[in-house]
Amino acid sequence: MEDKDENLDSTNEEEENADSENGETEEQSLDVLQKEKTELSEKNKQLFERTKKAESEAKKLREQLKAKEPDKELENSQSNEPDYSKLAFLEGRQVSHPDDQKLVIDEAVRLKLPLTDILGLEYIKAKLQTSKEQREAESGTPAGRGKAGGGTGQKDVDYWIQKGELPKDQELAAKVVNAKMQKDDTKRMFDPLE
């Protein structure tokens, strides 16, 4: 029995030694946890300050954006009406077809350049020339009001007088009849009286 008591005492001593060691490690772990807690609380404070600062900057930017939005609304309301000064400028520069004017104005808006710079761009000049030639080819009349090349176009009064028929277009037919009557009147003026 004494052996058993001794063995029991020895385990108690070992447990006491372990408790004393654990006490030291518990204190150390408490210190470590305290340090971590203070570090985390400092980081939280910094993050909170940064968040507050970012929110205030975002609020300022939203206010600035709202201040600029009415200007855009004014620009959009004016864009429905054509800018007559630009159209007059383009007319003066021999850009008279509405499709050509739209091309030049749209390109000026897209590139944010003045019309004078846009008209100086080579690819715009080429597009304008190509579209002009295309329209002339579609109308069937050569450049120079039908006089160049020795031929006359179907929309020319002389063409229909030479052909001896009237065109289907009423307005052109009226011009052909008036021209024939005028030609006959001048011819009679020089004919001897009968």
N, C-alpha and C. Protein backbone atom coordinates (compact mmCIF):
# COMPACT_ATOMS: atom_id res chain seq x y z
N MET A 1 0.78 -1.16 0.00
CA MET A 1 0.00 0.00 0.00
C MET A 1 0.85 1.25 0.00
N GLU A 2 1.95 1.14 0.67
CA GLU A 2 2.86 2.27 0.69
C GLU A 2 3.38 2.55 -0.70
N ASP A 3 3.61 1.49 -1.47
CA ASP A 3 4.08 1.70 -2.83
C ASP A 3 3.02 2.44 -3.64
N LYS A 4 1.83 2.06 -3.37
CA LYS A 4 0.76 2.69 -4.12
C LYS A 4 0.66 4.16 -3.74
N ASP A 5 0.83 4.47 -2.46
CA ASP A 5 0.77 5.85 -2.04
C ASP A 5 1.91 6.65 -2.66
N GLU A 6 3.06 6.04 -2.70
CA GLU A 6 4.19 6.73 -3.30
C GLU A 6 3.91 7.02 -4.76
N ASN A 7 3.38 6.04 -5.42
CA ASN A 7 3.09 6.25 -6.83
C ASN A 7 2.03 7.34 -7.00
N LEU A 8 1.08 7.34 -6.11
CA LEU A 8 0.06 8.37 -6.20
C LEU A 8 0.67 9.74 -5.93
N ASP A 9 1.57 9.82 -4.97
CA ASP A 9 2.21 11.09 -4.68
C ASP A 9 3.06 11.56 -5.86
N SER A 10 3.73 10.64 -6.49
CA SER A 10 4.59 11.03 -7.60
C SER A 10 3.76 11.58 -8.76
N THR A 11 2.60 11.05 -9.00
CA THR A 11 1.77 11.59 -10.08
C THR A 11 1.23 12.96 -9.70
N ASN A 12 0.98 13.14 -8.40
CA ASN A 12 0.53 14.45 -7.95
C ASN A 12 1.63 15.48 -8.13
N GLU A 13 2.85 15.10 -7.86
CA GLU A 13 3.97 16.02 -8.03
C GLU A 13 4.14 16.39 -9.50
N GLU A 14 3.97 15.41 -10.36
CA GLU A 14 4.12 15.67 -11.79
C GLU A 14 3.02 16.63 -12.26
N GLU A 15 1.82 16.44 -11.74
CA GLU A 15 0.73 17.32 -12.13
C GLU A 15 0.97 18.73 -11.63
N GLU A 16 1.54 18.87 -10.43
CA GLU A 16 1.84 20.19 -9.90
C GLU A 16 2.90 20.87 -10.75
N ASN A 17 3.91 20.12 -11.19
CA ASN A 17 4.94 20.68 -12.06
C ASN A 17 4.33 21.13 -13.39
N ALA A 18 3.43 20.32 -13.91
CA ALA A 18 2.81 20.66 -15.19
C ALA A 18 1.93 21.90 -15.03
N ASP A 19 1.23 22.00 -13.89
CA ASP A 19 0.39 23.17 -13.66
C ASP A 19 1.23 24.43 -13.57
N SER A 20 2.37 24.34 -12.93
CA SER A 20 3.21 25.53 -12.81
C SER A 20 3.76 25.93 -14.17
N GLU A 21 4.09 24.97 -15.00
CA GLU A 21 4.57 25.29 -16.36
C GLU A 21 3.43 25.87 -17.19
N ASN A 22 2.25 25.27 -17.06
CA ASN A 22 1.10 25.77 -17.80
C ASN A 22 0.73 27.17 -17.36
N GLY A 23 0.92 27.48 -16.13
CA GLY A 23 0.63 28.82 -15.63
C GLY A 23 1.51 29.84 -16.31
N GLU A 24 2.77 29.47 -16.48
CA GLU A 24 3.68 30.39 -17.17
C GLU A 24 3.29 30.54 -18.63
N THR A 25 2.96 29.44 -19.28
CA THR A 25 2.58 29.52 -20.69
C THR A 25 1.23 30.22 -20.85
N GLU A 26 0.35 30.05 -19.89
CA GLU A 26 -0.92 30.76 -19.95
C GLU A 26 -0.70 32.26 -19.85
N GLU A 27 0.22 32.66 -18.97
CA GLU A 27 0.53 34.08 -18.85
C GLU A 27 1.14 34.61 -20.14
N GLN A 28 2.03 33.81 -20.71
CA GLN A 28 2.65 34.22 -21.97
C GLN A 28 1.60 34.31 -23.08
N SER A 29 0.72 33.31 -23.13
CA SER A 29 -0.30 33.34 -24.17
C SER A 29 -1.27 34.50 -23.95
N LEU A 30 -1.52 34.85 -22.69
CA LEU A 30 -2.35 36.03 -22.41
C LEU A 30 -1.67 37.29 -22.91
N ASP A 31 -0.37 37.39 -22.68
CA ASP A 31 0.38 38.56 -23.17
C ASP A 31 0.32 38.64 -24.69
N VAL A 32 0.51 37.50 -25.33
CA VAL A 32 0.47 37.46 -26.80
C VAL A 32 -0.92 37.86 -27.29
N LEU A 33 -1.94 37.33 -26.65
CA LEU A 33 -3.31 37.67 -27.04
C LEU A 33 -3.60 39.15 -26.81
N GLN A 34 -3.08 39.70 -25.73
CA GLN A 34 -3.25 41.13 -25.43
C GLN A 34 -2.61 41.97 -26.54
N LYS A 35 -1.38 41.58 -26.94
CA LYS A 35 -0.68 42.31 -28.00
C LYS A 35 -1.46 42.23 -29.31
N GLU A 36 -1.94 41.03 -29.63
CA GLU A 36 -2.71 40.86 -30.86
C GLU A 36 -3.98 41.70 -30.83
N LYS A 37 -4.59 41.73 -29.65
CA LYS A 37 -5.82 42.51 -29.50
C LYS A 37 -5.55 43.99 -29.74
N THR A 38 -4.47 44.53 -29.17
CA THR A 38 -4.15 45.94 -29.36
C THR A 38 -3.79 46.23 -30.81
N GLU A 39 -3.05 45.31 -31.44
CA GLU A 39 -2.69 45.49 -32.85
C GLU A 39 -3.95 45.49 -33.73
N LEU A 40 -4.84 44.55 -33.47
CA LEU A 40 -6.06 44.47 -34.26
C LEU A 40 -6.95 45.69 -34.05
N SER A 41 -7.02 46.16 -32.82
CA SER A 41 -7.85 47.34 -32.57
C SER A 41 -7.26 48.57 -33.27
N GLU A 42 -5.93 48.68 -33.31
CA GLU A 42 -5.29 49.79 -34.04
C GLU A 42 -5.59 49.68 -35.54
N LYS A 43 -5.50 48.46 -36.07
CA LYS A 43 -5.79 48.26 -37.50
C LYS A 43 -7.26 48.59 -37.79
N ASN A 44 -8.14 48.20 -36.89
CA ASN A 44 -9.56 48.51 -37.08
C ASN A 44 -9.80 50.01 -37.08
N LYS A 45 -9.11 50.73 -36.20
CA LYS A 45 -9.25 52.18 -36.16
C LYS A 45 -8.78 52.79 -37.48
N GLN A 46 -7.63 52.30 -37.97
CA GLN A 46 -7.10 52.83 -39.23
C GLN A 46 -8.07 52.54 -40.38
N LEU A 47 -8.59 51.31 -40.42
CA LEU A 47 -9.54 50.97 -41.47
C LEU A 47 -10.81 51.81 -41.38
N PHE A 48 -11.27 52.05 -40.17
CA PHE A 48 -12.46 52.87 -39.97
C PHE A 48 -12.22 54.29 -40.48
N GLU A 49 -11.04 54.84 -40.17
CA GLU A 49 -10.71 56.20 -40.63
C GLU A 49 -10.63 56.25 -42.15
N ARG A 50 -10.00 55.24 -42.76
CA ARG A 50 -9.88 55.20 -44.21
C ARG A 50 -11.26 55.09 -44.87
N THR A 51 -12.12 54.28 -44.27
CA THR A 51 -13.46 54.10 -44.80
C THR A 51 -14.25 55.41 -44.73
N LYS A 52 -14.13 56.08 -43.60
CA LYS A 52 -14.83 57.35 -43.44
C LYS A 52 -14.34 58.37 -44.47
N LYS A 53 -13.03 58.41 -44.66
CA LYS A 53 -12.44 59.35 -45.62
C LYS A 53 -12.92 59.02 -47.04
N ALA A 54 -12.93 57.74 -47.39
CA ALA A 54 -13.38 57.34 -48.72
C ALA A 54 -14.85 57.67 -48.93
N GLU A 55 -15.66 57.48 -47.92
CA GLU A 55 -17.08 57.81 -48.04
C GLU A 55 -17.30 59.30 -48.23
N SER A 56 -16.53 60.11 -47.52
CA SER A 56 -16.68 61.56 -47.68
C SER A 56 -16.23 62.01 -49.07
N GLU A 57 -15.15 61.41 -49.59
CA GLU A 57 -14.70 61.75 -50.95
C GLU A 57 -15.74 61.31 -51.98
N ALA A 58 -16.32 60.14 -51.78
CA ALA A 58 -17.35 59.66 -52.70
C ALA A 58 -18.56 60.59 -52.70
N LYS A 59 -18.91 61.08 -51.54
CA LYS A 59 -20.05 62.00 -51.43
C LYS A 59 -19.75 63.30 -52.18
N LYS A 60 -18.52 63.81 -52.03
CA LYS A 60 -18.13 65.03 -52.74
C LYS A 60 -18.18 64.82 -54.25
N LEU A 61 -17.68 63.67 -54.70
CA LEU A 61 -17.68 63.39 -56.14
C LEU A 61 -19.11 63.26 -56.68
N ARG A 62 -20.00 62.66 -55.91
CA ARG A 62 -21.40 62.56 -56.34
C ARG A 62 -22.01 63.95 -56.48
N GLU A 63 -21.70 64.84 -55.54
CA GLU A 63 -22.23 66.20 -55.60
C GLU A 63 -21.69 66.93 -56.83
N GLN A 64 -20.40 66.74 -57.12
CA GLN A 64 -19.82 67.37 -58.31
C GLN A 64 -20.47 66.83 -59.58
N LEU A 65 -20.73 65.53 -59.60
CA LEU A 65 -21.36 64.92 -60.76
C LEU A 65 -22.77 65.46 -60.96
N LYS A 66 -23.50 65.62 -59.87
CA LYS A 66 -24.85 66.18 -59.97
C LYS A 66 -24.81 67.62 -60.47
N ALA A 67 -23.77 68.35 -60.09
CA ALA A 67 -23.65 69.74 -60.53
C ALA A 67 -23.37 69.80 -62.03
N LYS A 68 -22.67 68.82 -62.57
CA LYS A 68 -22.33 68.81 -64.00
C LYS A 68 -23.45 68.24 -64.86
N GLU A 69 -24.33 67.42 -64.32
CA GLU A 69 -25.39 66.79 -65.11
C GLU A 69 -26.36 67.79 -65.74
N PRO A 70 -26.76 68.89 -65.10
CA PRO A 70 -27.66 69.83 -65.78
C PRO A 70 -27.04 70.41 -67.06
N ASP A 71 -25.72 70.59 -67.10
CA ASP A 71 -25.07 71.09 -68.30
C ASP A 71 -25.27 70.11 -69.45
N LYS A 72 -25.15 68.81 -69.16
CA LYS A 72 -25.33 67.81 -70.20
C LYS A 72 -26.77 67.81 -70.71
N GLU A 73 -27.72 68.02 -69.81
CA GLU A 73 -29.12 68.06 -70.23
C GLU A 73 -29.37 69.23 -71.17
N LEU A 74 -28.74 70.37 -70.92
CA LEU A 74 -28.89 71.52 -71.81
C LEU A 74 -28.31 71.20 -73.18
N GLU A 75 -27.15 70.54 -73.22
CA GLU A 75 -26.53 70.20 -74.49
C GLU A 75 -27.43 69.24 -75.27
N ASN A 76 -28.01 68.27 -74.60
CA ASN A 76 -28.87 67.31 -75.27
C ASN A 76 -30.14 67.97 -75.80
N SER A 77 -30.69 68.93 -75.09
CA SER A 77 -31.90 69.59 -75.57
C SER A 77 -31.60 70.45 -76.79
N GLN A 78 -30.42 70.99 -76.89
CA GLN A 78 -30.06 71.82 -78.04
C GLN A 78 -29.68 70.97 -79.24
N SER A 79 -29.27 69.73 -79.05
CA SER A 79 -28.80 68.91 -80.16
C SER A 79 -29.94 68.50 -81.09
N ASN A 80 -31.20 68.60 -80.66
CA ASN A 80 -32.32 68.27 -81.52
C ASN A 80 -32.48 69.29 -82.64
N GLU A 81 -32.12 70.51 -82.39
CA GLU A 81 -32.22 71.59 -83.37
C GLU A 81 -30.89 71.68 -84.12
N PRO A 82 -30.92 71.80 -85.45
CA PRO A 82 -29.65 71.90 -86.18
C PRO A 82 -28.91 73.20 -85.85
N ASP A 83 -27.61 73.13 -85.90
CA ASP A 83 -26.79 74.31 -85.64
C ASP A 83 -26.63 75.04 -86.97
N TYR A 84 -27.40 76.10 -87.11
CA TYR A 84 -27.44 76.81 -88.39
C TYR A 84 -26.12 77.49 -88.72
N SER A 85 -25.36 77.87 -87.73
CA SER A 85 -24.07 78.50 -88.01
C SER A 85 -23.12 77.49 -88.65
N LYS A 86 -23.16 76.24 -88.17
CA LYS A 86 -22.31 75.20 -88.76
C LYS A 86 -22.77 74.88 -90.18
N LEU A 87 -24.09 74.81 -90.36
CA LEU A 87 -24.62 74.52 -91.69
C LEU A 87 -24.26 75.63 -92.68
N ALA A 88 -24.34 76.88 -92.24
CA ALA A 88 -23.98 78.00 -93.11
C ALA A 88 -22.49 77.96 -93.45
N PHE A 89 -21.68 77.63 -92.47
CA PHE A 89 -20.24 77.52 -92.72
C PHE A 89 -19.96 76.44 -93.77
N LEU A 90 -20.62 75.29 -93.62
CA LEU A 90 -20.41 74.20 -94.58
C LEU A 90 -20.92 74.57 -95.97
N GLU A 91 -22.04 75.30 -96.04
CA GLU A 91 -22.55 75.77 -97.33
C GLU A 91 -21.51 76.67 -98.00
N GLY A 92 -20.88 77.51 -97.21
CA GLY A 92 -19.85 78.40 -97.74
C GLY A 92 -18.63 77.65 -98.24
N ARG A 93 -18.39 76.48 -97.69
CA ARG A 93 -17.25 75.65 -98.09
C ARG A 93 -17.65 74.62 -99.14
N GLN A 94 -18.79 74.83 -99.81
CA GLN A 94 -19.28 73.97 -100.89
C GLN A 94 -19.64 72.56 -100.41
N VAL A 95 -20.00 72.42 -99.15
CA VAL A 95 -20.52 71.15 -98.64
C VAL A 95 -22.02 71.38 -98.44
N SER A 96 -22.79 71.17 -99.52
CA SER A 96 -24.19 71.57 -99.49
C SER A 96 -25.17 70.41 -99.32
N HIS A 97 -24.76 69.20 -99.58
CA HIS A 97 -25.68 68.07 -99.46
C HIS A 97 -25.85 67.71 -97.98
N PRO A 98 -27.08 67.46 -97.55
CA PRO A 98 -27.33 67.16 -96.13
C PRO A 98 -26.56 65.95 -95.61
N ASP A 99 -26.38 64.93 -96.44
CA ASP A 99 -25.62 63.76 -96.00
C ASP A 99 -24.16 64.12 -95.74
N ASP A 100 -23.59 64.96 -96.62
CA ASP A 100 -22.21 65.39 -96.43
C ASP A 100 -22.07 66.26 -95.18
N GLN A 101 -23.03 67.15 -94.99
CA GLN A 101 -23.00 68.01 -93.80
C GLN A 101 -23.08 67.18 -92.53
N LYS A 102 -23.95 66.19 -92.53
CA LYS A 102 -24.09 65.32 -91.36
C LYS A 102 -22.78 64.57 -91.10
N LEU A 103 -22.15 64.08 -92.16
CA LEU A 103 -20.88 63.37 -92.02
C LEU A 103 -19.84 64.25 -91.36
N VAL A 104 -19.71 65.48 -91.84
CA VAL A 104 -18.69 66.40 -91.31
C VAL A 104 -19.00 66.78 -89.86
N ILE A 105 -20.24 67.09 -89.57
CA ILE A 105 -20.61 67.50 -88.20
C ILE A 105 -20.44 66.33 -87.23
N ASP A 106 -20.87 65.14 -87.63
CA ASP A 106 -20.71 63.97 -86.76
C ASP A 106 -19.24 63.68 -86.48
N GLU A 107 -18.42 63.83 -87.49
CA GLU A 107 -16.99 63.59 -87.31
C GLU A 107 -16.37 64.64 -86.40
N ALA A 108 -16.83 65.88 -86.51
CA ALA A 108 -16.33 66.95 -85.63
C ALA A 108 -16.71 66.67 -84.18
N VAL A 109 -17.91 66.17 -83.97
CA VAL A 109 -18.34 65.84 -82.61
C VAL A 109 -17.55 64.66 -82.08
N ARG A 110 -17.35 63.65 -82.93
CA ARG A 110 -16.64 62.45 -82.50
C ARG A 110 -15.20 62.75 -82.14
N LEU A 111 -14.53 63.53 -82.96
CA LEU A 111 -13.12 63.84 -82.72
C LEU A 111 -12.92 65.07 -81.84
N LYS A 112 -14.00 65.80 -81.58
CA LYS A 112 -13.95 67.02 -80.77
C LYS A 112 -12.98 68.03 -81.38
N LEU A 113 -13.14 68.23 -82.70
CA LEU A 113 -12.33 69.19 -83.43
C LEU A 113 -13.25 70.20 -84.11
N PRO A 114 -12.73 71.39 -84.42
CA PRO A 114 -13.55 72.37 -85.15
C PRO A 114 -13.76 71.92 -86.60
N LEU A 115 -14.79 72.48 -87.24
CA LEU A 115 -15.12 72.10 -88.60
C LEU A 115 -13.99 72.38 -89.58
N THR A 116 -13.24 73.45 -89.36
CA THR A 116 -12.14 73.77 -90.27
C THR A 116 -11.10 72.67 -90.28
N ASP A 117 -10.82 72.10 -89.11
CA ASP A 117 -9.84 71.01 -89.04
C ASP A 117 -10.40 69.74 -89.68
N ILE A 118 -11.68 69.50 -89.49
CA ILE A 118 -12.30 68.30 -90.07
C ILE A 118 -12.27 68.38 -91.59
N LEU A 119 -12.57 69.55 -92.14
CA LEU A 119 -12.56 69.70 -93.60
C LEU A 119 -11.15 69.58 -94.17
N GLY A 120 -10.14 69.76 -93.35
CA GLY A 120 -8.76 69.62 -93.81
C GLY A 120 -8.26 68.19 -93.79
N LEU A 121 -8.99 67.28 -93.18
CA LEU A 121 -8.56 65.88 -93.10
C LEU A 121 -8.72 65.21 -94.46
N GLU A 122 -7.70 64.46 -94.86
CA GLU A 122 -7.70 63.84 -96.18
C GLU A 122 -8.82 62.83 -96.36
N TYR A 123 -9.07 62.02 -95.34
CA TYR A 123 -10.10 60.99 -95.52
C TYR A 123 -11.49 61.61 -95.60
N ILE A 124 -11.70 62.76 -94.97
CA ILE A 124 -12.99 63.45 -95.10
C ILE A 124 -13.13 64.02 -96.51
N LYS A 125 -12.04 64.60 -97.02
CA LYS A 125 -12.07 65.11 -98.40
C LYS A 125 -12.40 63.99 -99.38
N ALA A 126 -11.77 62.83 -99.16
CA ALA A 126 -12.00 61.70 -100.05
C ALA A 126 -13.44 61.20 -99.95
N LYS A 127 -13.98 61.14 -98.74
CA LYS A 127 -15.37 60.69 -98.57
C LYS A 127 -16.33 61.66 -99.23
N LEU A 128 -16.09 62.96 -99.07
CA LEU A 128 -16.97 63.96 -99.68
C LEU A 128 -16.93 63.86 -101.20
N GLN A 129 -15.73 63.70 -101.76
CA GLN A 129 -15.58 63.59 -103.21
C GLN A 129 -16.27 62.33 -103.72
N THR A 130 -16.07 61.23 -103.01
CA THR A 130 -16.68 59.96 -103.42
C THR A 130 -18.20 60.05 -103.39
N SER A 131 -18.75 60.62 -102.33
CA SER A 131 -20.21 60.71 -102.24
C SER A 131 -20.76 61.66 -103.30
N LYS A 132 -20.02 62.72 -103.62
CA LYS A 132 -20.46 63.65 -104.67
C LYS A 132 -20.48 62.94 -106.03
N GLU A 133 -19.43 62.19 -106.33
CA GLU A 133 -19.37 61.46 -107.59
C GLU A 133 -20.47 60.40 -107.65
N GLN A 134 -20.74 59.76 -106.53
CA GLN A 134 -21.79 58.74 -106.47
C GLN A 134 -23.15 59.35 -106.78
N ARG A 135 -23.43 60.50 -106.19
CA ARG A 135 -24.72 61.15 -106.44
C ARG A 135 -24.84 61.57 -107.91
N GLU A 136 -23.75 62.07 -108.48
CA GLU A 136 -23.79 62.47 -109.89
C GLU A 136 -24.01 61.26 -110.79
N ALA A 137 -23.38 60.15 -110.45
CA ALA A 137 -23.54 58.94 -111.26
C ALA A 137 -24.97 58.42 -111.16
N GLU A 138 -25.56 58.51 -109.98
CA GLU A 138 -26.93 58.04 -109.80
C GLU A 138 -27.93 58.93 -110.53
N SER A 139 -27.65 60.21 -110.61
CA SER A 139 -28.59 61.11 -111.30
C SER A 139 -28.47 60.97 -112.81
N GLY A 140 -27.40 60.41 -113.30
CA GLY A 140 -27.24 60.18 -114.73
C GLY A 140 -26.74 61.37 -115.49
N THR A 141 -26.32 62.41 -114.82
CA THR A 141 -25.80 63.58 -115.51
C THR A 141 -24.33 63.72 -115.21
N PRO A 142 -23.54 63.96 -116.24
CA PRO A 142 -22.12 64.17 -115.98
C PRO A 142 -21.88 65.53 -115.34
N ALA A 143 -20.72 65.69 -114.76
CA ALA A 143 -20.36 66.96 -114.13
C ALA A 143 -20.34 68.05 -115.17
N GLY A 144 -20.69 69.26 -114.82
CA GLY A 144 -20.67 70.38 -115.76
C GLY A 144 -22.02 70.57 -116.43
N ARG A 145 -23.10 70.20 -115.81
CA ARG A 145 -24.47 70.41 -116.26
C ARG A 145 -24.76 69.76 -117.61
N GLY A 146 -24.14 68.61 -117.87
CA GLY A 146 -24.47 67.86 -119.07
C GLY A 146 -23.77 68.34 -120.31
N LYS A 147 -22.97 69.36 -120.24
CA LYS A 147 -22.31 69.90 -121.42
C LYS A 147 -20.98 69.19 -121.68
N ALA A 148 -20.33 68.71 -120.63
CA ALA A 148 -19.03 68.07 -120.81
C ALA A 148 -19.22 66.71 -121.47
N GLY A 149 -18.30 66.33 -122.30
CA GLY A 149 -18.36 65.02 -122.94
C GLY A 149 -19.22 65.02 -124.19
N GLY A 150 -19.83 66.15 -124.56
CA GLY A 150 -20.58 66.24 -125.80
C GLY A 150 -21.99 65.67 -125.72
N GLY A 151 -22.36 65.00 -124.65
CA GLY A 151 -23.69 64.42 -124.56
C GLY A 151 -24.58 65.23 -123.65
N THR A 152 -25.87 64.94 -123.75
CA THR A 152 -26.81 65.60 -122.86
C THR A 152 -27.52 64.54 -122.04
N GLY A 153 -27.95 64.91 -120.86
CA GLY A 153 -28.61 63.96 -119.97
C GLY A 153 -30.10 63.93 -120.18
N GLN A 154 -30.77 62.94 -119.61
CA GLN A 154 -32.21 62.79 -119.77
C GLN A 154 -32.99 63.84 -119.02
N LYS A 155 -32.33 64.56 -118.13
CA LYS A 155 -33.02 65.63 -117.42
C LYS A 155 -32.72 66.99 -118.05
N ASP A 156 -32.22 66.96 -119.26
CA ASP A 156 -31.86 68.19 -119.96
C ASP A 156 -32.93 68.49 -121.03
N VAL A 157 -33.31 69.74 -121.13
CA VAL A 157 -34.35 70.16 -122.09
C VAL A 157 -33.88 69.90 -123.52
N ASP A 158 -32.62 70.19 -123.82
CA ASP A 158 -32.10 70.01 -125.18
C ASP A 158 -32.18 68.54 -125.61
N TYR A 159 -31.98 67.64 -124.69
CA TYR A 159 -32.07 66.21 -124.99
C TYR A 159 -33.45 65.86 -125.53
N TRP A 160 -34.49 66.35 -124.86
CA TRP A 160 -35.86 66.01 -125.25
C TRP A 160 -36.28 66.75 -126.52
N ILE A 161 -35.74 67.95 -126.75
CA ILE A 161 -36.05 68.67 -128.00
C ILE A 161 -35.45 67.91 -129.17
N GLN A 162 -34.21 67.45 -129.03
CA GLN A 162 -33.56 66.70 -130.11
C GLN A 162 -34.26 65.37 -130.34
N LYS A 163 -34.74 64.75 -129.27
CA LYS A 163 -35.41 63.46 -129.39
C LYS A 163 -36.79 63.62 -130.03
N GLY A 164 -37.41 64.77 -129.84
CA GLY A 164 -38.72 65.03 -130.43
C GLY A 164 -39.86 64.44 -129.62
N GLU A 165 -39.62 64.06 -128.39
CA GLU A 165 -40.66 63.49 -127.53
C GLU A 165 -40.75 64.32 -126.25
N LEU A 166 -41.80 64.04 -125.49
CA LEU A 166 -41.95 64.70 -124.20
C LEU A 166 -41.61 63.71 -123.08
N PRO A 167 -40.91 64.18 -122.06
CA PRO A 167 -40.59 63.28 -120.93
C PRO A 167 -41.82 63.03 -120.07
N LYS A 168 -41.75 62.02 -119.23
CA LYS A 168 -42.86 61.68 -118.33
C LYS A 168 -42.95 62.67 -117.17
N ASP A 169 -41.85 63.29 -116.82
CA ASP A 169 -41.84 64.28 -115.75
C ASP A 169 -42.57 65.53 -116.23
N GLN A 170 -43.66 65.91 -115.56
CA GLN A 170 -44.51 67.01 -116.00
C GLN A 170 -43.77 68.34 -116.01
N GLU A 171 -42.97 68.56 -114.99
CA GLU A 171 -42.24 69.83 -114.90
C GLU A 171 -41.24 69.96 -116.05
N LEU A 172 -40.53 68.88 -116.33
CA LEU A 172 -39.56 68.89 -117.42
C LEU A 172 -40.29 68.98 -118.77
N ALA A 173 -41.44 68.34 -118.88
CA ALA A 173 -42.22 68.40 -120.12
C ALA A 173 -42.67 69.84 -120.39
N ALA A 174 -43.06 70.56 -119.35
CA ALA A 174 -43.47 71.95 -119.51
C ALA A 174 -42.30 72.80 -119.99
N LYS A 175 -41.12 72.54 -119.47
CA LYS A 175 -39.93 73.28 -119.91
C LYS A 175 -39.62 72.98 -121.37
N VAL A 176 -39.78 71.72 -121.78
CA VAL A 176 -39.51 71.34 -123.17
C VAL A 176 -40.49 72.04 -124.12
N VAL A 177 -41.76 72.07 -123.75
CA VAL A 177 -42.78 72.73 -124.59
C VAL A 177 -42.48 74.22 -124.69
N ASN A 178 -42.17 74.86 -123.58
CA ASN A 178 -41.85 76.29 -123.61
C ASN A 178 -40.62 76.56 -124.47
N ALA A 179 -39.62 75.72 -124.40
CA ALA A 179 -38.40 75.91 -125.20
C ALA A 179 -38.71 75.75 -126.68
N LYS A 180 -39.56 74.77 -127.03
CA LYS A 180 -39.94 74.58 -128.44
C LYS A 180 -40.70 75.79 -128.97
N MET A 181 -41.62 76.30 -128.15
CA MET A 181 -42.40 77.47 -128.57
C MET A 181 -41.49 78.68 -128.75
N GLN A 182 -40.55 78.87 -127.87
CA GLN A 182 -39.64 80.00 -127.97
C GLN A 182 -38.76 79.85 -129.21
N LYS A 183 -38.33 78.64 -129.49
CA LYS A 183 -37.50 78.39 -130.67
C LYS A 183 -38.30 78.66 -131.95
N ASP A 184 -39.55 78.25 -131.96
CA ASP A 184 -40.41 78.51 -133.12
C ASP A 184 -40.66 80.00 -133.30
N ASP A 185 -40.85 80.73 -132.20
CA ASP A 185 -41.08 82.18 -132.29
C ASP A 185 -39.87 82.88 -132.87
N THR A 186 -38.68 82.52 -132.46
CA THR A 186 -37.48 83.17 -133.01
C THR A 186 -37.28 82.78 -134.46
N LYS A 187 -37.68 81.58 -134.83
CA LYS A 187 -37.54 81.13 -136.21
C LYS A 187 -38.50 81.92 -137.11
N ARG A 188 -39.72 82.17 -136.65
CA ARG A 188 -40.70 82.92 -137.42
C ARG A 188 -40.31 84.38 -137.57
N MET A 189 -39.58 84.88 -136.59
CA MET A 189 -39.19 86.28 -136.64
C MET A 189 -38.32 86.56 -137.87
N PHE A 190 -37.53 85.60 -138.26
CA PHE A 190 -36.63 85.82 -139.38
C PHE A 190 -37.16 85.25 -140.70
N ASP A 191 -38.29 84.59 -140.66
CA ASP A 191 -38.89 84.07 -141.89
C ASP A 191 -39.57 85.22 -142.64
N PRO A 192 -39.52 85.17 -143.97
CA PRO A 192 -40.24 86.22 -144.72
C PRO A 192 -41.74 86.07 -144.52
N LEU A 193 -42.40 87.19 -144.59
CA LEU A 193 -43.84 87.19 -144.41
C LEU A 193 -44.50 86.50 -145.58
N GLU A 194 -45.49 85.78 -145.33
CA GLU A 194 -46.15 85.06 -146.41
C GLU A 194 -47.32 85.78 -146.94
